């Protein structure tokens, strides 16, 4: 099948080794960050925060977060160009949704007279409240929508990436306490350019299950 979308997805893969000498341009980074901002979410809740790790000092902090576990991902941190923490709101309050509504009024999606009626959608948040009064599971799901959007954006930009669910949320919350206050991070994304001779995954053929095994058309 010949289509730019399919070509993007056919050529993308998970990088296993990065070339530390190559950096993502600020122009491409800006495109990625805008794509993250424009990501979809349930009821347009946007219950996320994206922490971009770029400086050597920030990378050292991220490197240190692997002290206790998941060391297999640690080597990416200093060799990739950037790491992005995908963090989700622990408790998504009515005031959080109110800020979204206010932005919608500013962007002329609705009028101020429609504000109170718009809060009806917050009932969906309440329906996804756990026994601790938190919304972690629901907000985490929204964050993965942004992750998927990021992966396709990076494929279009010909930038390599590595999704890392192998992170330590407890240590991340300690090391990045100021940046993650009120949020949890269970997945991070390394981006950059793969090492041409040491990234074994770059040379392997794409492998996915057959279309008729995963798609049912009724």
N, C-alpha and C. Protein backbone atom coordinates (compact mmCIF):
# COMPACT_ATOMS: atom_id res chain seq x y z
N UNK A 1 0.85 -1.20 0.00
CA UNK A 1 0.00 0.00 0.00
C UNK A 1 0.88 1.25 0.00
N UNK A 2 0.63 2.15 -0.94
CA UNK A 2 1.41 3.37 -1.04
C UNK A 2 0.59 4.54 -0.50
N UNK A 3 1.05 5.06 0.61
CA UNK A 3 0.39 6.20 1.23
C UNK A 3 1.39 6.79 2.23
N UNK A 4 1.49 8.12 2.32
CA UNK A 4 2.47 8.72 3.25
C UNK A 4 2.31 8.27 4.69
N UNK A 5 1.06 8.07 5.13
CA UNK A 5 0.83 7.62 6.51
C UNK A 5 1.40 6.22 6.71
N UNK A 6 1.10 5.32 5.77
CA UNK A 6 1.59 3.95 5.86
C UNK A 6 3.11 3.92 5.78
N UNK A 7 3.68 4.75 4.91
CA UNK A 7 5.14 4.81 4.78
C UNK A 7 5.78 5.28 6.09
N UNK A 8 5.16 6.25 6.75
CA UNK A 8 5.66 6.70 8.06
C UNK A 8 5.71 5.54 9.03
N UNK A 9 4.61 4.78 9.09
CA UNK A 9 4.50 3.72 10.08
C UNK A 9 5.36 2.51 9.72
N UNK A 10 5.58 2.29 8.44
CA UNK A 10 6.43 1.18 8.03
C UNK A 10 7.89 1.42 8.36
N UNK A 11 8.31 2.70 8.29
CA UNK A 11 9.74 2.97 8.50
C UNK A 11 10.09 3.22 9.96
N UNK A 12 9.09 3.51 10.82
CA UNK A 12 9.42 3.77 12.22
C UNK A 12 9.65 2.47 12.98
N UNK A 13 10.48 2.54 13.99
CA UNK A 13 10.79 1.39 14.82
C UNK A 13 11.34 1.92 16.14
N UNK A 14 11.57 1.05 17.09
CA UNK A 14 12.12 1.46 18.38
C UNK A 14 13.64 1.42 18.32
N UNK A 15 14.26 2.58 18.45
CA UNK A 15 15.72 2.65 18.41
C UNK A 15 16.31 1.99 19.65
N UNK A 16 17.39 1.24 19.46
CA UNK A 16 18.05 0.55 20.57
C UNK A 16 19.39 1.16 20.94
N UNK A 17 19.91 2.02 20.07
CA UNK A 17 21.19 2.68 20.35
C UNK A 17 21.22 4.00 19.61
N UNK A 18 21.59 5.07 20.32
CA UNK A 18 21.59 6.41 19.73
C UNK A 18 22.99 6.90 19.43
N UNK A 19 23.07 7.81 18.45
CA UNK A 19 24.31 8.50 18.12
C UNK A 19 24.34 9.80 18.92
N UNK A 20 25.19 9.85 19.93
CA UNK A 20 25.22 11.00 20.84
C UNK A 20 25.65 12.29 20.15
N UNK A 21 26.25 12.18 18.98
CA UNK A 21 26.74 13.38 18.29
C UNK A 21 25.65 14.10 17.50
N UNK A 22 24.48 13.49 17.38
CA UNK A 22 23.42 14.07 16.58
C UNK A 22 22.28 14.56 17.47
N UNK A 23 21.84 15.78 17.24
CA UNK A 23 20.79 16.39 18.05
C UNK A 23 19.59 16.76 17.19
N UNK A 24 18.43 16.67 17.77
CA UNK A 24 17.21 17.13 17.10
C UNK A 24 17.23 18.65 17.05
N UNK A 25 16.92 19.21 15.89
CA UNK A 25 16.92 20.66 15.76
C UNK A 25 15.82 21.28 16.59
N UNK A 26 16.02 22.54 16.96
CA UNK A 26 15.00 23.25 17.72
C UNK A 26 13.72 23.41 16.91
N UNK A 27 13.86 23.50 15.59
CA UNK A 27 12.68 23.62 14.73
C UNK A 27 11.85 22.34 14.79
N UNK A 28 12.50 21.19 14.66
CA UNK A 28 11.77 19.93 14.72
C UNK A 28 11.22 19.67 16.12
N UNK A 29 11.98 20.06 17.13
CA UNK A 29 11.49 19.90 18.50
C UNK A 29 10.23 20.72 18.71
N UNK A 30 10.21 21.93 18.16
CA UNK A 30 9.04 22.80 18.30
C UNK A 30 7.82 22.17 17.64
N UNK A 31 8.02 21.50 16.50
CA UNK A 31 6.91 20.83 15.82
C UNK A 31 6.37 19.70 16.70
N UNK A 32 7.28 18.92 17.28
CA UNK A 32 6.87 17.82 18.15
C UNK A 32 6.09 18.33 19.35
N UNK A 33 6.57 19.38 19.98
CA UNK A 33 5.90 19.90 21.17
C UNK A 33 4.53 20.48 20.84
N UNK A 34 4.41 21.10 19.66
CA UNK A 34 3.10 21.60 19.25
C UNK A 34 2.15 20.44 18.95
N UNK A 35 2.69 19.36 18.37
CA UNK A 35 1.87 18.17 18.13
C UNK A 35 1.37 17.59 19.45
N UNK A 36 2.23 17.57 20.46
CA UNK A 36 1.82 17.10 21.78
C UNK A 36 0.69 17.97 22.33
N UNK A 37 0.85 19.29 22.20
CA UNK A 37 -0.16 20.22 22.70
C UNK A 37 -1.51 19.99 22.02
N UNK A 38 -1.47 19.60 20.74
CA UNK A 38 -2.69 19.43 19.96
C UNK A 38 -3.28 18.02 20.07
N UNK A 39 -2.69 17.17 20.90
CA UNK A 39 -3.15 15.79 21.02
C UNK A 39 -4.59 15.73 21.53
N UNK A 40 -5.34 14.73 21.09
CA UNK A 40 -6.72 14.56 21.56
C UNK A 40 -6.77 13.96 22.95
N UNK A 41 -7.87 14.19 23.65
CA UNK A 41 -8.10 13.58 24.96
C UNK A 41 -9.59 13.55 25.23
N UNK A 42 -10.00 12.63 26.08
CA UNK A 42 -11.41 12.51 26.44
C UNK A 42 -11.92 13.82 27.02
N UNK A 43 -13.07 14.25 26.57
CA UNK A 43 -13.73 15.53 26.92
C UNK A 43 -12.76 16.71 26.82
N UNK A 44 -11.73 16.57 25.98
CA UNK A 44 -10.72 17.62 25.81
C UNK A 44 -10.07 17.98 27.15
N UNK A 45 -9.91 16.97 28.01
CA UNK A 45 -9.45 17.21 29.38
C UNK A 45 -8.00 17.65 29.48
N UNK A 46 -7.16 17.15 28.58
CA UNK A 46 -5.72 17.49 28.57
C UNK A 46 -5.09 17.34 29.96
N UNK A 47 -5.24 16.17 30.59
CA UNK A 47 -4.79 16.00 31.97
C UNK A 47 -3.32 15.59 32.07
N UNK A 48 -2.48 16.31 31.35
CA UNK A 48 -1.10 15.88 31.21
C UNK A 48 -0.10 17.00 31.40
N UNK A 49 1.13 16.61 31.54
CA UNK A 49 2.26 17.53 31.54
C UNK A 49 3.41 16.81 30.84
N UNK A 50 4.11 17.52 29.95
CA UNK A 50 5.24 16.96 29.22
C UNK A 50 6.51 17.68 29.66
N UNK A 51 7.40 16.95 30.29
CA UNK A 51 8.65 17.53 30.80
C UNK A 51 9.75 17.17 29.81
N UNK A 52 10.34 18.18 29.18
CA UNK A 52 11.36 17.97 28.17
C UNK A 52 12.75 18.05 28.81
N UNK A 53 13.47 16.97 28.71
CA UNK A 53 14.81 16.87 29.30
C UNK A 53 15.83 17.06 28.19
N UNK A 54 16.54 18.18 28.26
CA UNK A 54 17.44 18.57 27.17
C UNK A 54 18.86 18.85 27.67
N UNK A 55 19.00 19.55 28.77
CA UNK A 55 20.33 19.95 29.25
C UNK A 55 21.08 18.76 29.84
N UNK A 56 22.39 18.89 29.93
CA UNK A 56 23.21 17.84 30.54
C UNK A 56 22.82 17.63 32.00
N UNK A 57 22.49 18.73 32.68
CA UNK A 57 22.11 18.62 34.09
C UNK A 57 20.81 17.83 34.26
N UNK A 58 19.83 18.12 33.40
CA UNK A 58 18.56 17.41 33.47
C UNK A 58 18.73 15.94 33.08
N UNK A 59 19.60 15.71 32.10
CA UNK A 59 19.86 14.32 31.70
C UNK A 59 20.51 13.53 32.83
N UNK A 60 21.37 14.19 33.60
CA UNK A 60 21.99 13.50 34.72
C UNK A 60 20.95 13.12 35.76
N UNK A 61 20.01 14.02 36.00
CA UNK A 61 18.92 13.72 36.93
C UNK A 61 18.11 12.52 36.44
N UNK A 62 17.81 12.51 35.13
CA UNK A 62 17.07 11.39 34.57
C UNK A 62 17.88 10.11 34.65
N UNK A 63 19.16 10.20 34.37
CA UNK A 63 20.07 9.06 34.45
C UNK A 63 20.04 8.47 35.86
N UNK A 64 20.02 9.35 36.85
CA UNK A 64 20.02 8.91 38.25
C UNK A 64 18.73 8.20 38.64
N UNK A 65 17.66 8.43 37.91
CA UNK A 65 16.37 7.83 38.26
C UNK A 65 16.34 6.32 37.99
N UNK A 66 17.38 5.80 37.35
CA UNK A 66 17.46 4.37 37.08
C UNK A 66 18.31 3.64 38.12
N UNK A 67 18.55 4.26 39.25
CA UNK A 67 19.43 3.69 40.27
C UNK A 67 18.92 2.35 40.80
N UNK A 68 17.61 2.19 40.88
CA UNK A 68 17.05 1.01 41.53
C UNK A 68 16.56 -0.07 40.57
N UNK A 69 16.15 0.31 39.38
CA UNK A 69 15.61 -0.68 38.44
C UNK A 69 15.57 -0.13 37.02
N UNK A 70 15.32 -1.05 36.10
CA UNK A 70 15.18 -0.74 34.67
C UNK A 70 16.46 -0.15 34.09
N UNK A 71 17.62 -0.62 34.54
CA UNK A 71 18.89 -0.09 34.05
C UNK A 71 19.10 -0.33 32.55
N UNK A 72 18.33 -1.26 31.96
CA UNK A 72 18.46 -1.52 30.53
C UNK A 72 18.10 -0.30 29.69
N UNK A 73 17.36 0.64 30.25
CA UNK A 73 17.01 1.87 29.53
C UNK A 73 17.96 3.03 29.84
N UNK A 74 18.78 2.87 30.84
CA UNK A 74 19.59 3.99 31.33
C UNK A 74 20.56 4.53 30.27
N UNK A 75 21.09 3.65 29.44
CA UNK A 75 22.10 4.08 28.47
C UNK A 75 21.54 5.04 27.42
N UNK A 76 20.21 5.02 27.22
CA UNK A 76 19.62 5.93 26.23
C UNK A 76 19.73 7.39 26.67
N UNK A 77 19.72 7.62 27.95
CA UNK A 77 19.49 8.97 28.46
C UNK A 77 20.56 9.97 28.01
N UNK A 78 21.80 9.59 28.09
CA UNK A 78 22.86 10.54 27.74
C UNK A 78 23.25 10.48 26.26
N UNK A 79 22.81 9.45 25.55
CA UNK A 79 23.17 9.35 24.14
C UNK A 79 22.09 9.88 23.22
N UNK A 80 20.83 9.88 23.66
CA UNK A 80 19.77 10.42 22.81
C UNK A 80 19.82 11.95 22.84
N UNK A 81 19.02 12.56 22.00
CA UNK A 81 19.01 14.02 21.94
C UNK A 81 18.19 14.63 23.08
N UNK A 82 16.99 14.10 23.30
CA UNK A 82 16.09 14.60 24.32
C UNK A 82 15.31 13.43 24.92
N UNK A 83 14.84 13.61 26.13
CA UNK A 83 13.89 12.69 26.74
C UNK A 83 12.66 13.50 27.15
N UNK A 84 11.50 12.94 26.91
CA UNK A 84 10.26 13.61 27.30
C UNK A 84 9.53 12.73 28.30
N UNK A 85 9.22 13.28 29.45
CA UNK A 85 8.41 12.59 30.45
C UNK A 85 6.94 12.86 30.15
N UNK A 86 6.16 11.79 30.04
CA UNK A 86 4.72 11.90 29.83
C UNK A 86 4.04 11.70 31.17
N UNK A 87 3.59 12.79 31.77
CA UNK A 87 3.04 12.74 33.13
C UNK A 87 1.54 13.00 33.09
N UNK A 88 0.81 12.31 33.96
CA UNK A 88 -0.65 12.44 34.01
C UNK A 88 -1.09 12.90 35.38
N UNK A 89 -2.15 13.67 35.41
CA UNK A 89 -2.68 14.26 36.64
C UNK A 89 -3.18 13.16 37.59
N UNK A 90 -2.82 13.28 38.85
CA UNK A 90 -3.25 12.30 39.85
C UNK A 90 -4.71 12.52 40.21
N UNK A 91 -5.06 13.76 40.46
CA UNK A 91 -6.46 14.12 40.74
C UNK A 91 -6.86 15.22 39.75
N UNK A 92 -7.84 14.91 38.94
CA UNK A 92 -8.30 15.88 37.94
C UNK A 92 -9.53 16.58 38.49
N UNK A 93 -9.31 17.76 39.04
CA UNK A 93 -10.35 18.49 39.76
C UNK A 93 -11.30 19.24 38.81
N UNK A 94 -12.42 19.62 39.36
CA UNK A 94 -13.37 20.45 38.60
C UNK A 94 -12.70 21.73 38.11
N UNK A 95 -11.80 22.27 38.91
CA UNK A 95 -11.09 23.49 38.51
C UNK A 95 -10.15 23.25 37.33
N UNK A 96 -9.61 22.02 37.22
CA UNK A 96 -8.78 21.69 36.06
C UNK A 96 -9.62 21.73 34.79
N UNK A 97 -10.81 21.16 34.87
CA UNK A 97 -11.69 21.18 33.71
C UNK A 97 -12.19 22.60 33.46
N UNK A 98 -12.36 23.36 34.53
CA UNK A 98 -12.77 24.76 34.38
C UNK A 98 -11.76 25.56 33.57
N UNK A 99 -10.48 25.26 33.76
CA UNK A 99 -9.43 25.96 32.99
C UNK A 99 -9.54 25.61 31.50
N UNK A 100 -9.89 24.35 31.21
CA UNK A 100 -10.10 23.94 29.82
C UNK A 100 -11.29 24.69 29.22
N UNK A 101 -12.36 24.79 29.98
CA UNK A 101 -13.55 25.50 29.50
C UNK A 101 -13.23 26.98 29.26
N UNK A 102 -12.50 27.58 30.18
CA UNK A 102 -12.13 29.00 30.03
C UNK A 102 -11.31 29.20 28.76
N UNK A 103 -10.42 28.24 28.48
CA UNK A 103 -9.63 28.36 27.26
C UNK A 103 -10.53 28.23 26.04
N UNK A 104 -11.52 27.34 26.13
CA UNK A 104 -12.47 27.20 25.03
C UNK A 104 -13.26 28.48 24.78
N UNK A 105 -13.59 29.19 25.84
CA UNK A 105 -14.28 30.48 25.69
C UNK A 105 -13.35 31.49 25.03
N UNK A 106 -12.10 31.50 25.48
CA UNK A 106 -11.12 32.42 24.88
C UNK A 106 -10.90 32.11 23.40
N UNK A 107 -10.93 30.82 23.06
CA UNK A 107 -10.72 30.40 21.67
C UNK A 107 -12.01 30.45 20.85
N UNK A 108 -13.10 30.93 21.48
CA UNK A 108 -14.38 31.12 20.82
C UNK A 108 -15.03 29.81 20.38
N UNK A 109 -14.76 28.70 21.12
CA UNK A 109 -15.48 27.46 20.89
C UNK A 109 -16.86 27.52 21.52
N UNK A 110 -16.99 28.36 22.54
CA UNK A 110 -18.25 28.53 23.23
C UNK A 110 -18.31 29.93 23.80
N UNK A 111 -19.48 30.30 24.27
CA UNK A 111 -19.63 31.61 24.90
C UNK A 111 -19.61 31.43 26.41
N UNK A 112 -19.42 32.52 27.11
CA UNK A 112 -19.39 32.46 28.57
C UNK A 112 -20.74 32.00 29.13
N UNK A 113 -21.81 32.25 28.39
CA UNK A 113 -23.13 31.81 28.82
C UNK A 113 -23.27 30.29 28.79
N UNK A 114 -22.41 29.63 28.04
CA UNK A 114 -22.47 28.17 27.92
C UNK A 114 -21.55 27.47 28.93
N UNK A 115 -20.85 28.25 29.73
CA UNK A 115 -19.83 27.68 30.61
C UNK A 115 -20.40 26.66 31.58
N UNK A 116 -21.45 27.01 32.28
CA UNK A 116 -21.98 26.09 33.30
C UNK A 116 -22.49 24.80 32.67
N UNK A 117 -23.11 24.91 31.51
CA UNK A 117 -23.61 23.72 30.83
C UNK A 117 -22.47 22.80 30.41
N UNK A 118 -21.32 23.40 30.09
CA UNK A 118 -20.16 22.62 29.64
C UNK A 118 -19.64 21.71 30.75
N UNK A 119 -19.90 22.09 32.00
CA UNK A 119 -19.41 21.28 33.13
C UNK A 119 -20.12 19.93 33.24
N UNK A 120 -21.18 19.73 32.47
CA UNK A 120 -21.85 18.43 32.47
C UNK A 120 -20.86 17.32 32.11
N UNK A 121 -19.91 17.62 31.22
CA UNK A 121 -18.92 16.63 30.79
C UNK A 121 -18.03 16.17 31.93
N UNK A 122 -17.93 16.99 32.99
CA UNK A 122 -17.08 16.60 34.12
C UNK A 122 -17.64 15.36 34.83
N UNK A 123 -18.88 15.05 34.58
CA UNK A 123 -19.46 13.84 35.14
C UNK A 123 -18.72 12.59 34.69
N UNK A 124 -18.11 12.66 33.51
CA UNK A 124 -17.33 11.52 33.03
C UNK A 124 -16.08 11.32 33.88
N UNK A 125 -15.50 12.42 34.34
CA UNK A 125 -14.35 12.34 35.25
C UNK A 125 -14.78 11.70 36.56
N UNK A 126 -15.90 12.16 37.07
CA UNK A 126 -16.40 11.62 38.34
C UNK A 126 -16.69 10.13 38.24
N UNK A 127 -17.13 9.69 37.07
CA UNK A 127 -17.41 8.27 36.86
C UNK A 127 -16.13 7.45 36.80
N UNK A 128 -15.00 8.10 36.62
CA UNK A 128 -13.71 7.42 36.55
C UNK A 128 -12.84 7.74 37.77
N UNK A 129 -13.49 7.95 38.89
CA UNK A 129 -12.79 8.22 40.15
C UNK A 129 -12.59 6.91 40.90
N UNK A 130 -11.36 6.68 41.39
CA UNK A 130 -11.10 5.43 42.11
C UNK A 130 -11.47 5.57 43.59
N UNK A 131 -11.23 4.52 44.36
CA UNK A 131 -11.65 4.53 45.76
C UNK A 131 -10.81 5.46 46.63
N UNK A 132 -9.75 6.05 46.04
CA UNK A 132 -8.96 7.05 46.76
C UNK A 132 -9.33 8.48 46.36
N UNK A 133 -10.34 8.59 45.50
CA UNK A 133 -10.74 9.91 45.01
C UNK A 133 -9.80 10.44 43.95
N UNK A 134 -9.05 9.56 43.32
CA UNK A 134 -8.08 9.94 42.30
C UNK A 134 -8.52 9.47 40.92
N UNK A 135 -7.77 9.94 39.91
CA UNK A 135 -8.16 9.66 38.52
C UNK A 135 -6.99 9.11 37.71
N UNK A 136 -6.02 8.47 38.37
CA UNK A 136 -4.78 8.04 37.72
C UNK A 136 -5.01 7.17 36.49
N UNK A 137 -5.86 6.17 36.61
CA UNK A 137 -6.05 5.24 35.50
C UNK A 137 -6.61 5.96 34.28
N UNK A 138 -7.58 6.83 34.50
CA UNK A 138 -8.21 7.56 33.40
C UNK A 138 -7.26 8.56 32.77
N UNK A 139 -6.56 9.33 33.59
CA UNK A 139 -5.64 10.33 33.04
C UNK A 139 -4.44 9.68 32.36
N UNK A 140 -4.01 8.53 32.88
CA UNK A 140 -2.90 7.82 32.23
C UNK A 140 -3.29 7.39 30.82
N UNK A 141 -4.52 6.93 30.66
CA UNK A 141 -5.00 6.53 29.33
C UNK A 141 -4.96 7.70 28.36
N UNK A 142 -5.33 8.88 28.82
CA UNK A 142 -5.29 10.06 27.95
C UNK A 142 -3.86 10.37 27.50
N UNK A 143 -2.92 10.18 28.42
CA UNK A 143 -1.52 10.49 28.11
C UNK A 143 -0.98 9.58 27.03
N UNK A 144 -1.47 8.33 26.98
CA UNK A 144 -1.02 7.42 25.93
C UNK A 144 -1.54 7.83 24.56
N UNK A 145 -2.66 8.56 24.52
CA UNK A 145 -3.10 9.12 23.23
C UNK A 145 -2.06 10.11 22.71
N UNK A 146 -1.53 10.92 23.62
CA UNK A 146 -0.49 11.89 23.23
C UNK A 146 0.79 11.18 22.81
N UNK A 147 1.11 10.07 23.47
CA UNK A 147 2.30 9.30 23.11
C UNK A 147 2.18 8.77 21.69
N UNK A 148 1.03 8.20 21.36
CA UNK A 148 0.83 7.71 20.00
C UNK A 148 0.96 8.82 18.96
N UNK A 149 0.41 9.98 19.28
CA UNK A 149 0.52 11.13 18.39
C UNK A 149 1.98 11.52 18.21
N UNK A 150 2.75 11.49 19.30
CA UNK A 150 4.17 11.83 19.23
C UNK A 150 4.94 10.86 18.35
N UNK A 151 4.65 9.57 18.46
CA UNK A 151 5.37 8.58 17.67
C UNK A 151 5.17 8.78 16.18
N UNK A 152 3.95 9.10 15.78
CA UNK A 152 3.71 9.32 14.35
C UNK A 152 4.34 10.64 13.89
N UNK A 153 4.26 11.65 14.73
CA UNK A 153 4.91 12.93 14.38
C UNK A 153 6.41 12.74 14.18
N UNK A 154 7.04 12.00 15.07
CA UNK A 154 8.47 11.74 14.95
C UNK A 154 8.79 10.94 13.69
N UNK A 155 7.94 9.98 13.35
CA UNK A 155 8.16 9.20 12.13
C UNK A 155 8.11 10.11 10.91
N UNK A 156 7.17 11.04 10.91
CA UNK A 156 7.08 11.98 9.78
C UNK A 156 8.32 12.86 9.69
N UNK A 157 8.87 13.22 10.85
CA UNK A 157 10.06 14.08 10.89
C UNK A 157 11.35 13.30 10.70
N UNK A 158 11.24 11.97 10.55
CA UNK A 158 12.42 11.09 10.40
C UNK A 158 13.33 11.18 11.62
N UNK A 159 12.71 11.26 12.79
CA UNK A 159 13.44 11.26 14.06
C UNK A 159 13.17 9.93 14.75
N UNK A 160 14.21 9.30 15.25
CA UNK A 160 14.07 8.00 15.91
C UNK A 160 13.58 8.19 17.35
N UNK A 161 13.01 7.13 17.90
CA UNK A 161 12.46 7.23 19.25
C UNK A 161 12.46 5.89 19.95
N UNK A 162 12.40 5.95 21.27
CA UNK A 162 12.32 4.76 22.10
C UNK A 162 11.33 5.02 23.23
N UNK A 163 10.21 4.32 23.21
CA UNK A 163 9.25 4.43 24.30
C UNK A 163 9.76 3.63 25.49
N UNK A 164 9.79 4.26 26.65
CA UNK A 164 10.34 3.61 27.84
C UNK A 164 9.28 3.55 28.95
N UNK A 165 8.59 2.41 29.01
CA UNK A 165 7.74 2.17 30.17
C UNK A 165 8.58 1.68 31.34
N UNK A 166 9.80 1.28 31.04
CA UNK A 166 10.73 0.86 32.07
C UNK A 166 11.36 2.07 32.74
N UNK A 167 10.56 2.76 33.53
CA UNK A 167 11.05 3.88 34.35
C UNK A 167 10.61 3.63 35.79
N UNK A 168 11.14 4.39 36.70
CA UNK A 168 10.84 4.23 38.12
C UNK A 168 10.00 5.44 38.57
N UNK A 169 8.68 5.31 38.58
CA UNK A 169 7.82 6.45 38.93
C UNK A 169 8.13 7.05 40.30
N UNK A 170 8.42 6.20 41.28
CA UNK A 170 8.68 6.72 42.63
C UNK A 170 9.93 7.58 42.65
N UNK A 171 11.00 7.12 42.00
CA UNK A 171 12.24 7.89 42.00
C UNK A 171 12.13 9.11 41.11
N UNK A 172 11.40 8.98 40.02
CA UNK A 172 11.16 10.14 39.16
C UNK A 172 10.42 11.23 39.93
N UNK A 173 9.41 10.83 40.69
CA UNK A 173 8.65 11.81 41.47
C UNK A 173 9.51 12.47 42.54
N UNK A 174 10.53 11.77 42.99
CA UNK A 174 11.43 12.34 43.98
C UNK A 174 12.45 13.28 43.33
N UNK A 175 13.05 12.84 42.24
CA UNK A 175 14.10 13.63 41.58
C UNK A 175 13.52 14.84 40.86
N UNK A 176 12.32 14.66 40.27
CA UNK A 176 11.67 15.75 39.54
C UNK A 176 10.45 16.25 40.32
N UNK A 177 10.61 16.36 41.63
CA UNK A 177 9.48 16.72 42.50
C UNK A 177 8.85 18.05 42.09
N UNK A 178 9.65 19.04 41.77
CA UNK A 178 9.11 20.35 41.41
C UNK A 178 8.34 20.30 40.10
N UNK A 179 8.89 19.57 39.14
CA UNK A 179 8.28 19.52 37.82
C UNK A 179 7.05 18.61 37.77
N UNK A 180 7.03 17.57 38.61
CA UNK A 180 5.95 16.59 38.56
C UNK A 180 4.94 16.72 39.69
N UNK A 181 4.99 17.77 40.44
CA UNK A 181 4.07 17.94 41.57
C UNK A 181 2.62 17.79 41.10
N UNK A 182 1.91 16.82 41.67
CA UNK A 182 0.53 16.59 41.30
C UNK A 182 0.35 15.68 40.10
N UNK A 183 1.46 15.19 39.55
CA UNK A 183 1.41 14.33 38.37
C UNK A 183 2.23 13.07 38.62
N UNK A 184 1.91 12.01 37.87
CA UNK A 184 2.67 10.78 37.87
C UNK A 184 3.28 10.57 36.49
N UNK A 185 4.44 9.96 36.46
CA UNK A 185 5.05 9.62 35.17
C UNK A 185 5.35 8.13 35.16
N UNK A 186 4.75 7.42 34.22
CA UNK A 186 4.97 5.98 34.07
C UNK A 186 5.56 5.63 32.71
N UNK A 187 5.79 6.63 31.88
CA UNK A 187 6.38 6.37 30.56
C UNK A 187 7.15 7.61 30.12
N UNK A 188 8.30 7.35 29.49
CA UNK A 188 9.13 8.42 28.95
C UNK A 188 9.48 8.08 27.52
N UNK A 189 9.86 9.08 26.76
CA UNK A 189 10.18 8.90 25.35
C UNK A 189 11.54 9.50 25.04
N UNK A 190 12.48 8.64 24.64
CA UNK A 190 13.78 9.13 24.17
C UNK A 190 13.67 9.41 22.68
N UNK A 191 14.25 10.52 22.24
CA UNK A 191 14.24 10.85 20.81
C UNK A 191 15.64 11.25 20.37
N UNK A 192 15.91 11.08 19.10
CA UNK A 192 17.22 11.42 18.55
C UNK A 192 17.44 10.69 17.25
N UNK A 193 18.68 10.28 17.02
CA UNK A 193 19.03 9.60 15.77
C UNK A 193 19.85 8.35 16.11
N UNK A 194 19.45 7.23 15.54
CA UNK A 194 20.05 5.96 15.91
C UNK A 194 21.52 5.88 15.49
N UNK A 195 22.26 5.05 16.20
CA UNK A 195 23.66 4.81 15.84
C UNK A 195 23.68 3.88 14.63
N UNK A 196 24.30 4.30 13.52
CA UNK A 196 24.19 3.54 12.27
C UNK A 196 24.77 2.13 12.33
N UNK A 197 25.75 1.89 13.18
CA UNK A 197 26.36 0.56 13.21
C UNK A 197 26.02 -0.25 14.46
N UNK A 198 25.48 0.41 15.50
CA UNK A 198 25.24 -0.30 16.76
C UNK A 198 23.77 -0.51 17.09
N UNK A 199 22.88 0.06 16.28
CA UNK A 199 21.45 -0.14 16.52
C UNK A 199 20.97 -1.33 15.70
N UNK A 200 20.97 -2.50 16.30
CA UNK A 200 20.61 -3.73 15.59
C UNK A 200 19.18 -3.71 15.09
N UNK A 201 18.31 -3.01 15.80
CA UNK A 201 16.89 -3.04 15.45
C UNK A 201 16.60 -2.32 14.14
N UNK A 202 17.48 -1.40 13.75
CA UNK A 202 17.27 -0.63 12.54
C UNK A 202 17.31 -1.50 11.29
N UNK A 203 18.00 -2.63 11.35
CA UNK A 203 18.18 -3.48 10.18
C UNK A 203 17.19 -4.63 10.11
N UNK A 204 16.42 -4.81 11.15
CA UNK A 204 15.47 -5.92 11.17
C UNK A 204 14.19 -5.57 10.41
N UNK A 205 13.59 -6.54 9.73
CA UNK A 205 12.35 -6.26 9.00
C UNK A 205 11.19 -5.98 9.95
N UNK A 206 10.24 -5.22 9.47
CA UNK A 206 9.03 -4.93 10.24
C UNK A 206 8.24 -6.22 10.41
N UNK A 207 7.69 -6.42 11.59
CA UNK A 207 6.91 -7.64 11.84
C UNK A 207 5.64 -7.29 12.61
N UNK A 208 4.51 -7.55 12.00
CA UNK A 208 3.21 -7.36 12.62
C UNK A 208 2.31 -8.52 12.26
N UNK A 209 1.31 -8.80 13.07
CA UNK A 209 0.34 -9.84 12.75
C UNK A 209 -0.44 -9.47 11.50
N UNK A 210 -0.99 -10.47 10.83
CA UNK A 210 -1.73 -10.26 9.59
C UNK A 210 -2.97 -9.40 9.84
N UNK A 211 -3.36 -8.65 8.84
CA UNK A 211 -4.50 -7.75 8.93
C UNK A 211 -5.77 -8.47 9.39
N UNK A 212 -6.03 -9.64 8.82
CA UNK A 212 -7.28 -10.33 9.15
C UNK A 212 -7.26 -10.96 10.54
N UNK A 213 -6.11 -10.95 11.20
CA UNK A 213 -6.02 -11.46 12.57
C UNK A 213 -6.34 -10.39 13.62
N UNK A 214 -6.23 -9.14 13.21
CA UNK A 214 -6.44 -8.05 14.18
C UNK A 214 -7.58 -7.11 13.82
N UNK A 215 -8.09 -7.23 12.60
CA UNK A 215 -9.18 -6.37 12.14
C UNK A 215 -10.40 -7.21 11.82
N UNK A 216 -11.52 -6.83 12.39
CA UNK A 216 -12.80 -7.46 12.07
C UNK A 216 -13.73 -6.40 11.51
N UNK A 217 -14.18 -6.62 10.29
CA UNK A 217 -15.11 -5.69 9.64
C UNK A 217 -16.49 -6.33 9.63
N UNK A 218 -17.46 -5.65 10.20
CA UNK A 218 -18.82 -6.18 10.28
C UNK A 218 -19.74 -5.49 9.27
